[in-house]
Every structure is written in C-alpha cells, then in structure tokens.
Amino acid sequence: MSNDADFATQLSVPLLVPLCWRPEVFANTAEAGSAAVRALATAVSLAERAPLVNEEATGLELEVARLHQKTQLLIELLALALGRDATRPDPCEVQLSGSACSWRSASPPALGSEGTVEIWLHPAAPEPICWPAQIAKLLPQADGSTLVQARLLPLGEAAQSTLDRHIFQLHRRAIAEARAQR
C-alpha cells in the first residue's frame, strides 16, 4: 500500500483486519469517544501475552499461570461463538496512524464524504473501534481497486491518546518480532 503525507509524518502500522465504512457520523462525540476507548482497551487486553512461567514455578505462581491460561482459552472460545453470530467484513490490508487510515476497496466512498470507519483490532474483540473520518484521497490501483485514504476526525483527547498509544505498542511489537526472526 502506498503511503501519503499523513503516514509520512506520523507513526503508522500495517494491519490485516476486518474494516467497514459507514456513511453515518456520530451525533454524540463524547459517547463515541468513550466507546472508542473501551474498544481499544479491549483489544489491548486481548492481545496481552501470558507471562512465561518458569519450569520450577510452584504454588501461587503456577496457579496464577494456569488461571490466566484458562481465562484466555475461555475468551477465545467466547469470541469464536460470538463470531458465528456476527457478520464481520472480510479482513483487508489497513494502514493505521493516529490521524489517518487507508485501505483498498472495490467500491470506495465518495471523495470528501464523512462517515465512520469501523476496525476490528483483534479477532476476539466483540466490537470494532468506530472512528469518524473524512475521505481525503482516492487513488486508483493497477488491480482495479481503489486505495481509500481517510483522515480521522477528532474524537476527544482521551480517545486520541489511547489510539496513539495502541499504535505505538503495535509498532513496537512488530519491531520486536522482526528482530526475533533474524
């Protein structure tokens, strides 16, 4: 995916996640900001990795590790059950920063239109993060699709801070995984 000025000046992460564009804009941005913070916190919690347990662990440390493993399994099974009932869009390549989002679409929204971008940041997340956005650029691609570049609209300081922190954590994790593969 090509990057534009929004991505050149800000930290962004590539993701392969379900994404949906809705032409509706939030009436209550304070409520939408709280919902975005909740969705981001849920994605962060679900992405936490269980701490490594020493083979010599006993007692309380071992029991906590077992409980964490069982809880994680329960969450994943619940997510599978909920996923059967929900209709999520197919995953697509998304480039996400604190101020912009881009994805490829066969039927892009109109240039300049405002709406809501919904992104499921974790496969076990029960709800997507919903963020108001404006379509800033439409770039035709060689395969016939269109690269949609959307500018994320303000949703409150708490939501923005949480989104920026999440993007930083995803970026840091990607770097650590790349280093581990070397």
Protein backbone atom coordinates (compact mmCIF):
# COMPACT_ATOMS: atom_id res chain seq x y z
CA MET A 1 0.00 0.00 0.00
CA SER A 2 1.34 3.42 -0.74
CA ASN A 3 1.80 5.96 1.99
CA ASP A 4 0.70 9.58 1.79
CA ALA A 5 1.74 12.69 3.75
CA ASP A 6 -0.38 11.65 6.77
CA PHE A 7 1.61 8.44 7.06
CA ALA A 8 4.98 10.00 6.26
CA THR A 9 4.80 12.35 9.23
CA GLN A 10 3.21 10.00 11.78
CA LEU A 11 3.85 6.55 13.09
CA SER A 12 1.59 4.06 11.35
CA VAL A 13 1.13 0.30 11.38
CA PRO A 14 0.04 -2.13 8.69
CA LEU A 15 -2.77 -4.44 9.80
CA LEU A 16 -4.78 -7.26 8.26
CA VAL A 17 -8.15 -6.76 9.94
CA PRO A 18 -11.86 -6.52 9.14
CA LEU A 19 -12.81 -2.95 8.22
CA CYS A 20 -16.14 -1.39 7.33
CA TRP A 21 -17.01 2.14 6.15
CA ARG A 22 -20.35 3.53 7.30
CA PRO A 23 -21.66 6.77 5.80
CA GLU A 24 -23.16 7.80 9.18
CA VAL A 25 -21.40 10.27 11.51
CA PHE A 26 -21.79 10.22 15.30
CA ALA A 27 -24.28 12.60 16.84
CA ASN A 28 -22.68 12.38 20.29
CA THR A 29 -18.88 12.52 20.03
CA ALA A 30 -18.36 12.23 23.81
CA GLU A 31 -20.21 8.91 23.86
CA ALA A 32 -18.37 7.77 20.72
CA GLY A 33 -15.03 8.72 22.30
CA SER A 34 -15.83 6.60 25.38
CA ALA A 35 -16.82 3.68 23.15
CA ALA A 36 -13.54 4.01 21.21
CA VAL A 37 -11.51 3.99 24.43
CA ARG A 38 -13.41 0.87 25.57
CA ALA A 39 -12.84 -0.91 22.24
CA LEU A 40 -9.13 -0.04 22.28
CA ALA A 41 -8.77 -1.20 25.91
CA THR A 42 -10.48 -4.48 25.00
CA ALA A 43 -8.13 -5.03 22.03
CA VAL A 44 -5.08 -4.30 24.21
CA SER A 45 -6.27 -6.73 26.90
CA LEU A 46 -6.97 -9.47 24.38
CA ALA A 47 -3.56 -9.02 22.75
CA GLU A 48 -1.70 -9.40 26.07
CA ARG A 49 0.57 -12.37 26.11
CA ALA A 50 0.65 -14.67 29.08
CA PRO A 51 3.83 -14.27 31.10
CA LEU A 52 6.29 -17.09 30.66
CA VAL A 53 6.18 -19.47 33.58
CA ASN A 54 9.41 -20.83 34.93
CA GLU A 55 9.52 -24.64 34.85
CA GLU A 56 10.37 -24.54 38.53
CA ALA A 57 7.30 -22.48 39.38
CA THR A 58 5.19 -23.82 42.20
CA GLY A 59 2.39 -22.76 44.43
CA LEU A 60 0.71 -19.44 43.78
CA GLU A 61 2.80 -18.52 40.72
CA LEU A 62 1.89 -21.77 38.97
CA GLU A 63 -1.80 -21.45 39.90
CA VAL A 64 -1.98 -17.87 38.57
CA ALA A 65 -0.40 -19.02 35.29
CA ARG A 66 -2.94 -21.84 34.98
CA LEU A 67 -5.83 -19.45 35.68
CA HIS A 68 -4.51 -16.99 33.10
CA GLN A 69 -4.28 -19.77 30.51
CA LYS A 70 -7.83 -20.97 31.25
CA THR A 71 -9.20 -17.42 31.13
CA GLN A 72 -7.51 -16.80 27.80
CA LEU A 73 -8.98 -20.03 26.41
CA LEU A 74 -12.44 -19.05 27.66
CA ILE A 75 -12.16 -15.64 25.98
CA GLU A 76 -11.07 -17.21 22.69
CA LEU A 77 -13.93 -19.74 22.78
CA LEU A 78 -16.44 -17.00 23.56
CA ALA A 79 -15.06 -14.93 20.68
CA LEU A 80 -15.49 -17.91 18.33
CA ALA A 81 -19.10 -18.34 19.48
CA LEU A 82 -19.85 -14.63 19.06
CA GLY A 83 -18.10 -14.60 15.68
CA ARG A 84 -20.52 -17.19 14.33
CA ASP A 85 -23.46 -14.88 15.02
CA ALA A 86 -21.83 -11.63 13.93
CA THR A 87 -21.29 -10.60 10.36
CA ARG A 88 -17.83 -9.10 10.14
CA PRO A 89 -16.39 -7.95 6.86
CA ASP A 90 -13.51 -9.92 5.39
CA PRO A 91 -10.05 -8.86 6.61
CA CYS A 92 -8.22 -6.39 4.39
CA GLU A 93 -4.88 -4.60 4.47
CA VAL A 94 -5.20 -1.44 6.53
CA GLN A 95 -2.59 1.23 7.26
CA LEU A 96 -3.50 2.97 10.50
CA SER A 97 -1.98 6.01 12.20
CA GLY A 98 -3.27 8.35 14.87
CA SER A 99 -4.66 10.72 12.24
CA ALA A 100 -5.37 8.62 9.15
CA CYS A 101 -6.43 5.23 7.86
CA SER A 102 -6.11 3.72 4.39
CA TRP A 103 -7.45 0.55 2.78
CA ARG A 104 -8.26 -0.86 -0.65
CA SER A 105 -11.86 -1.02 -1.77
CA ALA A 106 -13.68 -2.26 -4.84
CA SER A 107 -16.47 0.25 -4.18
CA PRO A 108 -14.95 3.29 -2.46
CA PRO A 109 -16.95 6.03 -0.75
CA ALA A 110 -17.18 9.46 -2.38
CA LEU A 111 -14.24 11.84 -2.09
CA GLY A 112 -14.82 14.33 0.74
CA SER A 113 -17.61 12.32 2.30
CA GLU A 114 -17.76 11.89 6.05
CA GLY A 115 -18.65 8.72 7.88
CA THR A 116 -17.37 6.20 10.36
CA VAL A 117 -14.57 3.70 9.88
CA GLU A 118 -15.06 0.51 11.91
CA ILE A 119 -12.00 -1.65 12.57
CA TRP A 120 -11.90 -4.93 14.49
CA LEU A 121 -8.42 -4.63 16.04
CA HIS A 122 -8.38 -8.16 17.48
CA PRO A 123 -10.07 -11.37 16.28
CA ALA A 124 -11.62 -11.95 19.73
CA ALA A 125 -12.88 -8.38 20.16
CA PRO A 126 -16.68 -8.29 20.47
CA GLU A 127 -16.92 -4.80 18.94
CA PRO A 128 -14.92 -2.72 16.49
CA ILE A 129 -13.33 0.61 17.18
CA CYS A 130 -15.57 3.18 15.48
CA TRP A 131 -13.93 6.46 14.48
CA PRO A 132 -15.36 9.37 12.48
CA ALA A 133 -13.41 10.08 9.31
CA GLN A 134 -13.42 12.04 6.08
CA ILE A 135 -12.34 10.57 2.76
CA ALA A 136 -9.28 12.62 1.81
CA LYS A 137 -7.96 10.81 -1.26
CA LEU A 138 -8.94 8.08 -3.69
CA LEU A 139 -6.06 6.50 -5.61
CA PRO A 140 -6.87 4.02 -8.43
CA GLN A 141 -4.74 0.85 -8.26
CA ALA A 142 -3.46 -1.38 -11.06
CA ASP A 143 -5.71 -4.27 -9.96
CA GLY A 144 -8.87 -2.16 -10.45
CA SER A 145 -9.39 -1.43 -6.77
CA THR A 146 -9.07 1.99 -5.16
CA LEU A 147 -6.80 2.94 -2.28
CA VAL A 148 -9.03 4.91 0.08
CA GLN A 149 -7.23 7.38 2.35
CA ALA A 150 -9.33 8.73 5.19
CA ARG A 151 -8.42 11.47 7.65
CA LEU A 152 -9.55 10.58 11.18
CA LEU A 153 -11.68 13.32 12.70
CA PRO A 154 -11.31 14.47 16.33
CA LEU A 155 -12.99 12.22 18.88
CA GLY A 156 -11.67 13.66 22.13
CA GLU A 157 -8.33 13.80 23.89
CA ALA A 158 -8.75 10.53 25.82
CA ALA A 159 -9.67 8.55 22.69
CA GLN A 160 -6.85 10.13 20.67
CA SER A 161 -4.28 9.40 23.37
CA THR A 162 -5.45 5.78 23.65
CA LEU A 163 -5.31 5.30 19.87
CA ASP A 164 -1.80 6.81 19.65
CA ARG A 165 -0.60 4.57 22.50
CA HIS A 166 -2.10 1.47 20.85
CA ILE A 167 -0.45 2.25 17.52
CA PHE A 168 2.88 2.77 19.26
CA GLN A 169 2.52 -0.60 21.04
CA LEU A 170 1.66 -2.38 17.79
CA HIS A 171 4.65 -0.77 16.08
CA ARG A 172 6.98 -1.69 18.94
CA ARG A 173 5.69 -5.30 18.94
CA ALA A 174 6.24 -5.58 15.17
CA ILE A 175 9.84 -4.38 15.56
CA ALA A 176 10.48 -6.86 18.39
CA GLU A 177 9.04 -9.74 16.34
CA ALA A 178 11.15 -8.77 13.31
CA ARG A 179 14.28 -8.72 15.45
CA ALA A 180 13.41 -12.11 16.94
CA GLN A 181 13.12 -13.62 13.45
CA ARG A 182 16.65 -12.54 12.49
